[in-house]
Amino acid sequence: MSQEESFVSHLVELRDRMIRSLVVILVLFGVCFYFSGDIMRFLSQPLYQALPPGTRPIFIDQAGAFFTLTKVSFLTAVLLSLPWVMYQARAFVAPGLYEHEKRFALPLIVSSIFFLVVGIAFAYWFVLPAAYKFFFAFASRTGADVLQDLQKYWDFTLAIFFGFGITFEVPVAEMLLVKLGMVTTEQLRAARRYVVVGAFIVAAVLTPPDVLSQFMLAIPLILLYELGIVLAGFIKARSRAPDDEEAEPAAAGSAEAAATAEATAVADAGAAAIAPPADPASPGSRQP
């Protein structure tokens, strides 16, 4: 197969895998849109719990409900289809990977999805309730009624989900950097003091301006950084480079050849020791 034909075949495979991913996303989008009202009510629970008694969220735009439910359905479908999409991506690049890279790709994908979901769940169960209680506590001091637009709530919630989902990928980033040889676990341990400062800076940017919310992001970030060091060391200890994989069969072949040569030498020596002496009358022997 020529280089051009190989390139075209890769493009065809890429197209097929993208179509498979899009089909799954569209099917899940249809299902999620059907249940979009229930999904939105579930995602709005932190807001309902923080609202003053007797009040409900509103939409101030006539098309706000439609666009909000559409965005909620689409992003939920993308999140649910993420394992399938990542599998298609891994299957596409797998033929060009070394064996040790294939072994590393699966844990990397699984851990990426796991930490993303954990970050979103942490934001939903802990950060959003604390944030809205903080906001409404200030509003209650003024004596004014609080009216919360669900469209703005979803925009704020999406930003929080995205921020926490990305920041919870810290262990995955550490494993990848160590695997690529860009940093070592010793360098990661030496950078702890800077990470602590950076975690509080990131928390101050991504969370509401109260100390509780900042600690709720900064402390998990520091713990995730320590977890990433442990996981990176584990991955580094169990992974082998291509040179090591090629050197092992060569070393095994050299050892086998050496053992064969040694056995041959021992057999020749034994045969020489038990051989009968030469006959004096045979041709070529010397006469007395």
Protein backbone atom coordinates (compact mmCIF):
# COMPACT_ATOMS: atom_id res chain seq x y z
CA MET A 1 0.00 0.00 0.00
CA SER A 2 1.38 3.39 -1.01
CA GLN A 3 1.74 6.30 1.38
CA GLU A 4 -1.16 8.15 -0.24
CA GLU A 5 -3.47 5.14 0.02
CA SER A 6 -2.49 4.69 3.67
CA PHE A 7 -3.28 8.35 4.40
CA VAL A 8 -6.69 8.06 2.72
CA SER A 9 -7.49 4.89 4.67
CA HIS A 10 -6.67 6.72 7.93
CA LEU A 11 -9.00 9.55 6.94
CA VAL A 12 -11.77 7.07 6.17
CA GLU A 13 -11.31 5.38 9.54
CA LEU A 14 -11.31 8.76 11.30
CA ARG A 15 -14.55 9.69 9.52
CA ASP A 16 -16.20 6.40 10.49
CA ARG A 17 -15.25 6.74 14.16
CA MET A 18 -16.43 10.36 14.27
CA ILE A 19 -19.77 9.32 12.75
CA ARG A 20 -20.14 6.56 15.34
CA SER A 21 -19.46 9.04 18.12
CA LEU A 22 -21.89 11.62 16.73
CA VAL A 23 -24.64 9.02 16.32
CA VAL A 24 -24.36 8.03 19.98
CA ILE A 25 -24.33 11.69 21.07
CA LEU A 26 -27.42 12.49 18.98
CA VAL A 27 -29.33 9.47 20.29
CA LEU A 28 -28.48 10.40 23.87
CA PHE A 29 -29.38 14.02 23.14
CA GLY A 30 -32.86 12.96 22.04
CA VAL A 31 -33.31 10.89 25.20
CA CYS A 32 -31.97 13.68 27.43
CA PHE A 33 -34.15 16.30 25.74
CA TYR A 34 -37.20 14.17 26.45
CA PHE A 35 -36.26 14.13 30.13
CA SER A 36 -34.80 17.66 30.08
CA GLY A 37 -37.33 18.97 32.58
CA ASP A 38 -36.41 16.32 35.14
CA ILE A 39 -32.70 16.86 34.50
CA MET A 40 -33.05 20.61 34.98
CA ARG A 41 -35.01 20.17 38.20
CA PHE A 42 -32.32 17.84 39.49
CA LEU A 43 -29.55 20.29 38.60
CA SER A 44 -31.51 23.13 40.20
CA GLN A 45 -31.78 21.48 43.61
CA PRO A 46 -28.92 23.57 45.11
CA LEU A 47 -30.80 26.70 44.03
CA TYR A 48 -34.16 25.52 45.38
CA GLN A 49 -32.57 24.68 48.72
CA ALA A 50 -30.96 28.12 49.01
CA LEU A 51 -33.97 30.19 47.92
CA PRO A 52 -36.06 31.81 50.64
CA PRO A 53 -39.20 29.84 51.56
CA GLY A 54 -42.14 30.42 49.27
CA THR A 55 -40.09 31.60 46.26
CA ARG A 56 -39.39 29.86 42.96
CA PRO A 57 -36.95 30.43 40.09
CA ILE A 58 -38.19 32.24 36.99
CA PHE A 59 -37.35 32.79 33.32
CA ILE A 60 -37.17 36.44 32.29
CA ASP A 61 -36.86 35.60 28.57
CA GLN A 62 -39.66 33.90 26.62
CA ALA A 63 -37.14 31.67 24.83
CA GLY A 64 -34.96 31.14 27.89
CA ALA A 65 -36.55 27.84 28.86
CA PHE A 66 -36.06 26.32 25.40
CA PHE A 67 -32.42 27.31 25.02
CA THR A 68 -31.59 26.35 28.60
CA LEU A 69 -33.16 22.90 28.30
CA THR A 70 -31.43 22.39 24.95
CA LYS A 71 -28.02 23.21 26.40
CA VAL A 72 -28.65 21.03 29.43
CA SER A 73 -29.70 18.10 27.22
CA PHE A 74 -26.73 18.44 24.87
CA LEU A 75 -24.10 18.73 27.59
CA THR A 76 -25.63 15.83 29.50
CA ALA A 77 -25.53 13.73 26.33
CA VAL A 78 -21.87 14.64 25.76
CA LEU A 79 -21.00 13.68 29.33
CA LEU A 80 -22.83 10.36 29.10
CA SER A 81 -21.26 9.51 25.73
CA LEU A 82 -17.74 10.48 26.82
CA PRO A 83 -16.60 6.88 27.51
CA TRP A 84 -17.71 5.83 24.01
CA VAL A 85 -16.05 8.85 22.37
CA MET A 86 -12.78 8.23 24.25
CA TYR A 87 -12.89 4.58 23.24
CA GLN A 88 -13.23 5.55 19.58
CA ALA A 89 -10.30 7.95 19.91
CA ARG A 90 -8.13 5.27 21.53
CA ALA A 91 -9.07 2.70 18.88
CA PHE A 92 -8.08 5.16 16.13
CA VAL A 93 -4.59 5.90 17.50
CA ALA A 94 -3.91 2.41 18.92
CA PRO A 95 -2.20 0.99 15.77
CA GLY A 96 0.50 3.68 16.00
CA LEU A 97 1.27 3.14 19.69
CA TYR A 98 3.88 0.98 21.34
CA GLU A 99 2.69 -1.83 23.57
CA HIS A 100 3.57 0.04 26.77
CA GLU A 101 1.73 3.12 25.45
CA LYS A 102 -1.39 1.04 24.83
CA ARG A 103 -1.22 -0.21 28.41
CA PHE A 104 -0.97 3.37 29.65
CA ALA A 105 -3.77 4.75 27.44
CA LEU A 106 -6.60 2.78 29.07
CA PRO A 107 -5.89 3.86 32.68
CA LEU A 108 -5.38 7.42 31.44
CA ILE A 109 -8.82 7.50 29.77
CA VAL A 110 -10.58 5.88 32.72
CA SER A 111 -8.95 8.18 35.27
CA SER A 112 -9.73 11.26 33.14
CA ILE A 113 -13.43 10.45 33.03
CA PHE A 114 -13.47 9.47 36.71
CA PHE A 115 -11.87 12.69 37.96
CA LEU A 116 -14.07 14.79 35.65
CA VAL A 117 -17.22 13.24 37.10
CA VAL A 118 -15.87 13.55 40.66
CA GLY A 119 -15.13 17.25 40.11
CA ILE A 120 -18.65 17.92 38.77
CA ALA A 121 -20.25 15.94 41.60
CA PHE A 122 -18.18 17.81 44.19
CA ALA A 123 -19.28 21.14 42.73
CA TYR A 124 -22.93 20.05 42.66
CA TRP A 125 -23.12 18.65 46.19
CA PHE A 126 -20.88 21.09 48.06
CA VAL A 127 -19.87 24.21 46.13
CA LEU A 128 -23.18 25.34 44.59
CA PRO A 129 -25.21 25.13 47.83
CA ALA A 130 -22.53 27.05 49.74
CA ALA A 131 -22.23 29.65 46.98
CA TYR A 132 -25.96 30.39 46.74
CA LYS A 133 -26.41 30.49 50.48
CA PHE A 134 -23.60 33.05 50.54
CA PHE A 135 -25.23 35.16 47.81
CA PHE A 136 -28.74 35.05 49.29
CA ALA A 137 -27.43 35.86 52.76
CA PHE A 138 -26.23 39.21 51.45
CA ALA A 139 -29.51 39.79 49.62
CA SER A 140 -31.52 39.15 52.78
CA ARG A 141 -29.63 41.93 54.56
CA THR A 142 -31.17 44.47 52.21
CA GLY A 143 -34.73 43.25 52.79
CA ALA A 144 -35.31 42.87 49.03
CA ASP A 145 -37.00 39.90 47.39
CA VAL A 146 -34.73 37.49 45.52
CA LEU A 147 -35.74 36.43 42.00
CA GLN A 148 -33.38 33.97 40.35
CA ASP A 149 -33.39 33.51 36.58
CA LEU A 150 -32.89 29.85 35.73
CA GLN A 151 -31.06 30.74 32.52
CA LYS A 152 -28.45 32.72 34.46
CA TYR A 153 -28.35 29.97 37.07
CA TRP A 154 -27.46 27.43 34.41
CA ASP A 155 -24.75 29.67 32.94
CA PHE A 156 -23.22 30.06 36.39
CA THR A 157 -23.59 26.32 37.13
CA LEU A 158 -21.96 25.39 33.83
CA ALA A 159 -18.98 27.62 34.61
CA ILE A 160 -18.63 26.01 38.05
CA PHE A 161 -18.92 22.49 36.61
CA PHE A 162 -16.35 23.24 33.93
CA GLY A 163 -13.92 24.82 36.39
CA PHE A 164 -14.10 22.02 38.93
CA GLY A 165 -14.08 19.30 36.29
CA ILE A 166 -10.87 20.69 34.78
CA THR A 167 -9.12 21.36 38.09
CA PHE A 168 -9.87 17.82 39.28
CA GLU A 169 -7.82 16.53 36.34
CA VAL A 170 -4.61 17.48 38.20
CA PRO A 171 -3.61 13.82 38.93
CA VAL A 172 -4.13 12.91 35.27
CA ALA A 173 -1.93 15.81 34.15
CA GLU A 174 0.79 14.75 36.57
CA MET A 175 0.72 11.14 35.36
CA LEU A 176 0.93 12.30 31.75
CA LEU A 177 3.83 14.69 32.39
CA VAL A 178 5.80 12.03 34.26
CA LYS A 179 5.05 9.44 31.59
CA LEU A 180 6.29 11.79 28.84
CA GLY A 181 9.47 12.47 30.82
CA MET A 182 8.80 16.20 31.12
CA VAL A 183 8.99 16.12 34.92
CA THR A 184 9.92 13.62 37.61
CA THR A 185 8.17 12.69 40.82
CA GLU A 186 11.04 14.31 42.72
CA GLN A 187 10.40 17.60 40.94
CA LEU A 188 6.69 17.34 41.71
CA ARG A 189 7.46 16.84 45.40
CA ALA A 190 9.83 19.81 45.38
CA ALA A 191 7.09 22.06 43.92
CA ARG A 192 4.64 21.46 46.77
CA ARG A 193 5.01 24.92 48.29
CA TYR A 194 4.22 26.60 44.97
CA VAL A 195 1.24 24.33 44.40
CA VAL A 196 -0.30 25.31 47.74
CA VAL A 197 -0.11 28.99 46.83
CA GLY A 198 -1.38 28.32 43.30
CA ALA A 199 -4.32 26.26 44.62
CA PHE A 200 -5.58 29.17 46.69
CA ILE A 201 -5.12 31.56 43.77
CA VAL A 202 -7.14 29.26 41.47
CA ALA A 203 -9.78 28.86 44.17
CA ALA A 204 -10.06 32.63 44.56
CA VAL A 205 -10.65 33.00 40.82
CA LEU A 206 -13.11 30.13 40.31
CA THR A 207 -15.23 30.34 43.45
CA PRO A 208 -17.43 33.03 45.00
CA PRO A 209 -15.58 35.59 47.13
CA ASP A 210 -16.02 33.84 50.46
CA VAL A 211 -13.40 31.98 52.45
CA LEU A 212 -15.46 28.78 52.77
CA SER A 213 -15.85 28.25 49.02
CA GLN A 214 -12.17 28.99 48.42
CA PHE A 215 -11.11 26.39 50.98
CA MET A 216 -13.60 23.92 49.46
CA LEU A 217 -11.64 24.06 46.20
CA ALA A 218 -8.10 24.72 47.44
CA ILE A 219 -7.93 21.81 49.90
CA PRO A 220 -9.12 19.17 47.37
CA LEU A 221 -6.67 20.56 44.81
CA ILE A 222 -3.77 20.08 47.22
CA LEU A 223 -4.92 16.56 48.08
CA LEU A 224 -5.35 15.73 44.38
CA TYR A 225 -1.82 16.96 43.72
CA GLU A 226 -0.46 14.57 46.34
CA LEU A 227 -2.55 11.76 44.87
CA GLY A 228 -1.16 12.56 41.43
CA ILE A 229 2.41 12.16 42.74
CA VAL A 230 1.58 8.70 44.08
CA LEU A 231 -0.17 7.61 40.88
CA ALA A 232 2.61 9.02 38.68
CA GLY A 233 5.22 7.08 40.64
CA PHE A 234 3.15 3.91 40.30
CA ILE A 235 2.71 4.37 36.55
CA LYS A 236 6.41 5.15 36.06
CA ALA A 237 7.46 2.05 37.99
CA ARG A 238 5.22 -0.27 35.95
CA SER A 239 5.83 1.23 32.51
CA ARG A 240 8.71 0.39 30.19
CA ALA A 241 10.13 2.26 27.26
CA PRO A 242 10.33 0.72 23.76
CA ASP A 243 14.10 0.26 24.14
CA ASP A 244 13.53 -1.83 27.23
CA GLU A 245 10.96 -3.97 25.44
CA GLU A 246 13.32 -4.54 22.52
CA ALA A 247 16.33 -5.12 24.74
CA GLU A 248 14.60 -7.83 26.76
CA PRO A 249 14.16 -10.28 23.83
CA ALA A 250 17.71 -9.50 22.69
CA ALA A 251 19.07 -10.18 26.16
CA ALA A 252 17.07 -13.40 26.32
CA GLY A 253 18.47 -14.45 22.94
CA SER A 254 22.04 -13.68 24.02
CA ALA A 255 21.60 -15.69 27.22
CA GLU A 256 20.18 -18.61 25.25
CA ALA A 257 23.07 -18.51 22.78
CA ALA A 258 25.59 -18.39 25.62
CA ALA A 259 23.92 -21.37 27.32
CA THR A 260 23.96 -23.33 24.05
CA ALA A 261 27.66 -22.59 23.48
CA GLU A 262 28.49 -23.61 27.02
CA ALA A 263 26.59 -26.88 26.65
CA THR A 264 28.38 -27.59 23.37
CA ALA A 265 31.76 -26.96 24.95
CA VAL A 266 30.97 -29.30 27.84
CA ALA A 267 29.83 -32.02 25.44
CA ASP A 268 33.02 -31.70 23.36
CA ALA A 269 35.17 -31.92 26.46
CA GLY A 270 33.34 -35.02 27.65
CA ALA A 271 33.67 -36.67 24.27
CA ALA A 272 37.41 -35.98 24.23
CA ALA A 273 37.83 -37.44 27.71
CA ILE A 274 36.18 -40.79 26.90
CA ALA A 275 37.66 -41.22 23.40
CA PRO A 276 39.88 -44.41 23.02
CA PRO A 277 43.64 -43.97 22.42
CA ALA A 278 44.93 -44.11 18.86
CA ASP A 279 45.93 -47.60 17.45
CA PRO A 280 49.73 -47.85 17.00
CA ALA A 281 49.31 -50.02 13.91
CA SER A 282 47.00 -47.63 12.23
CA PRO A 283 48.26 -45.70 9.23
CA GLY A 284 49.95 -42.49 10.14
CA SER A 285 51.26 -43.77 13.51
CA ARG A 286 55.00 -43.67 14.18
CA GLN A 287 57.03 -46.93 14.27
CA PRO A 288 59.42 -47.56 17.18
